[in-house]
Amino acid sequence: MRLELSNNPNLLLFTSNLFPATFNAIGLKHYAIIGIGGNVGESVLLFERVIRYLQQGKRVNVIQTAPLLKNPPFGFTDQPDFINSVIKIETNLSPFQLLKYLLWVEKRFGRKRTFKNAPRTLDLDIIFYDKLNLRTKRLIVPHPHFHERESVMIPLRFLKD
């Protein structure tokens, strides 16, 4: 299903089996919004596998997913369009533990870091973690550029509080 988005012909908002979706909360301590993106391989199918994988583990519980957005790359532009969305999770992990876990999930699902803004199978970014403001060398929350990225801002509109 395709959803009407805007007059921008380079953006396409669409849905799949698990985007958007709502799941039951189980009462973990912290909430986070995670950006999910990729442009290598079958991104939509991979994202659905990632959601199922996260749900099977004990570290995070996915509560909600937003529709998917197809959008052009930025930075390094000589690559395919990206598919992006956001997911709302609950977790007992600290922000640094969550970052470590998400990097591990990226690697498990084929992420290879070759250069900045390179094509990728999977990108998982912490956009928000509770109402935390954190600035370290390893992690900045809220994500420092989230408000500049349509790939975050448009799907974010579809998450319920």
Protein backbone atom coordinates (compact mmCIF):
# COMPACT_ATOMS: atom_id res chain seq x y z
CA MET A 1 0.00 0.00 0.00
CA ARG A 2 1.24 3.48 -0.88
CA LEU A 3 0.34 6.53 1.17
CA GLU A 4 0.04 10.10 -0.12
CA LEU A 5 3.01 12.04 1.24
CA SER A 6 3.77 15.37 -0.36
CA ASN A 7 4.59 17.01 -3.64
CA ASN A 8 8.19 15.73 -3.40
CA PRO A 9 8.48 13.07 -6.13
CA ASN A 10 11.69 11.72 -4.55
CA LEU A 11 9.88 10.50 -1.43
CA LEU A 12 7.52 7.55 -1.25
CA LEU A 13 5.77 6.48 1.95
CA PHE A 14 4.51 2.90 1.92
CA THR A 15 3.53 0.01 4.17
CA SER A 16 4.43 -3.67 4.53
CA ASN A 17 3.38 -6.53 6.79
CA LEU A 18 5.12 -5.10 9.87
CA PHE A 19 5.39 -1.40 8.98
CA PRO A 20 3.32 0.10 10.53
CA ALA A 21 2.39 -2.22 13.37
CA THR A 22 1.65 -2.05 17.08
CA PHE A 23 2.75 -4.67 19.62
CA ASN A 24 2.10 -5.19 23.33
CA ALA A 25 4.31 -3.46 25.88
CA ILE A 26 5.68 -5.73 28.59
CA GLY A 27 6.70 -3.04 31.09
CA LEU A 28 10.44 -2.62 30.63
CA LYS A 29 12.03 0.47 32.26
CA HIS A 30 13.09 2.64 29.31
CA TYR A 31 11.66 3.72 25.98
CA ALA A 32 13.66 4.51 22.87
CA ILE A 33 12.99 5.48 19.27
CA ILE A 34 15.30 3.69 16.85
CA GLY A 35 15.86 4.73 13.24
CA ILE A 36 16.08 1.80 10.84
CA GLY A 37 17.42 2.09 7.31
CA GLY A 38 19.15 0.32 4.48
CA ASN A 39 19.65 0.28 0.73
CA VAL A 40 21.42 -3.00 -0.06
CA GLY A 41 19.39 -6.09 -0.83
CA GLU A 42 15.71 -6.58 0.01
CA SER A 43 15.48 -3.93 2.74
CA VAL A 44 11.79 -4.38 3.54
CA LEU A 45 12.14 -8.13 4.02
CA LEU A 46 15.30 -7.62 6.07
CA PHE A 47 13.58 -5.03 8.29
CA GLU A 48 10.74 -7.47 8.95
CA ARG A 49 13.28 -10.16 9.89
CA VAL A 50 15.00 -7.67 12.22
CA ILE A 51 11.69 -6.86 13.96
CA ARG A 52 10.96 -10.56 14.46
CA TYR A 53 14.51 -11.11 15.72
CA LEU A 54 14.26 -8.23 18.21
CA GLN A 55 10.91 -9.55 19.45
CA GLN A 56 12.36 -13.01 20.10
CA GLY A 57 15.19 -11.69 22.27
CA LYS A 58 15.05 -10.40 25.83
CA ARG A 59 17.00 -7.15 25.41
CA VAL A 60 14.35 -5.04 23.70
CA ASN A 61 10.64 -5.24 23.05
CA VAL A 62 9.31 -3.55 19.91
CA ILE A 63 6.13 -1.63 20.71
CA GLN A 64 5.43 0.14 17.43
CA THR A 65 6.70 0.58 13.90
CA ALA A 66 5.97 3.42 11.48
CA PRO A 67 5.38 3.26 7.71
CA LEU A 68 8.40 2.93 5.44
CA LEU A 69 9.89 5.81 3.47
CA LYS A 70 11.83 5.43 0.23
CA ASN A 71 14.15 8.41 -0.08
CA PRO A 72 17.30 9.46 -1.93
CA PRO A 73 20.71 9.07 -0.25
CA PHE A 74 22.63 12.03 1.13
CA GLY A 75 26.35 12.51 1.63
CA PHE A 76 27.56 9.88 -0.81
CA THR A 77 24.79 10.09 -3.43
CA ASP A 78 26.05 7.57 -6.01
CA GLN A 79 24.07 4.70 -4.50
CA PRO A 80 20.50 3.33 -4.50
CA ASP A 81 17.67 5.03 -2.64
CA PHE A 82 17.23 4.14 1.02
CA ILE A 83 14.29 2.60 2.79
CA ASN A 84 13.85 4.08 6.27
CA SER A 85 11.47 4.00 9.18
CA VAL A 86 11.43 4.35 12.96
CA ILE A 87 10.53 1.88 15.65
CA LYS A 88 9.56 2.45 19.27
CA ILE A 89 11.01 -0.01 21.75
CA GLU A 90 11.13 -0.60 25.47
CA THR A 91 14.26 -1.95 27.14
CA ASN A 92 16.08 -2.40 30.43
CA LEU A 93 19.41 -1.69 28.70
CA SER A 94 21.29 1.53 29.40
CA PRO A 95 21.87 3.83 26.40
CA PHE A 96 25.42 2.46 25.96
CA GLN A 97 24.29 -1.16 26.29
CA LEU A 98 21.55 -0.46 23.74
CA LEU A 99 24.07 1.07 21.33
CA LYS A 100 26.35 -1.95 21.68
CA TYR A 101 23.42 -4.31 21.10
CA LEU A 102 22.19 -2.42 18.02
CA LEU A 103 25.68 -2.43 16.49
CA TRP A 104 25.81 -6.18 17.10
CA VAL A 105 22.39 -6.63 15.41
CA GLU A 106 23.59 -4.58 12.41
CA LYS A 107 26.62 -6.84 12.05
CA ARG A 108 24.53 -10.00 12.50
CA PHE A 109 22.33 -8.85 9.60
CA GLY A 110 25.26 -8.18 7.26
CA ARG A 111 26.30 -4.57 7.93
CA LYS A 112 29.81 -3.80 6.72
CA ARG A 113 31.28 -0.39 7.45
CA THR A 114 33.37 0.63 4.46
CA PHE A 115 33.20 4.46 4.47
CA LYS A 116 30.98 7.27 5.77
CA ASN A 117 27.47 7.24 4.23
CA ALA A 118 28.26 4.05 2.30
CA PRO A 119 25.52 1.72 1.05
CA ARG A 120 24.41 -0.66 3.80
CA THR A 121 22.15 -3.59 4.50
CA LEU A 122 21.06 -2.24 7.87
CA ASP A 123 21.50 0.92 9.90
CA LEU A 124 20.07 1.18 13.42
CA ASP A 125 20.38 4.56 15.18
CA ILE A 126 19.18 5.63 18.61
CA ILE A 127 17.10 8.73 17.91
CA PHE A 128 15.65 9.20 21.41
CA TYR A 129 16.15 7.38 24.71
CA ASP A 130 13.56 8.37 27.32
CA LYS A 131 13.93 12.15 27.68
CA LEU A 132 17.69 11.83 27.98
CA ASN A 133 20.15 14.43 26.71
CA LEU A 134 23.56 12.80 26.41
CA ARG A 135 26.69 13.94 24.64
CA THR A 136 29.77 11.68 24.66
CA LYS A 137 32.31 10.60 22.05
CA ARG A 138 30.47 7.28 21.58
CA LEU A 139 26.86 8.40 21.74
CA ILE A 140 24.78 11.55 21.35
CA VAL A 141 21.08 11.42 22.31
CA PRO A 142 18.86 12.74 20.89
CA HIS A 143 20.51 11.86 17.58
CA PRO A 144 22.30 15.06 16.53
CA HIS A 145 20.80 15.32 13.03
CA PHE A 146 17.38 13.70 13.38
CA HIS A 147 15.47 16.95 12.83
CA GLU A 148 17.28 17.52 9.49
CA ARG A 149 16.38 14.12 8.04
CA GLU A 150 13.10 13.46 6.29
CA SER A 151 13.97 9.78 6.67
CA VAL A 152 13.36 10.20 10.41
CA MET A 153 10.92 13.11 10.66
CA ILE A 154 8.30 11.75 8.26
CA PRO A 155 7.98 8.25 9.77
CA LEU A 156 8.21 9.76 13.28
CA ARG A 157 4.90 11.56 12.66
CA PHE A 158 3.14 8.18 12.59
CA LEU A 159 4.23 6.95 16.04
CA LYS A 160 1.70 7.33 18.83
CA ASP A 161 2.75 8.51 22.28
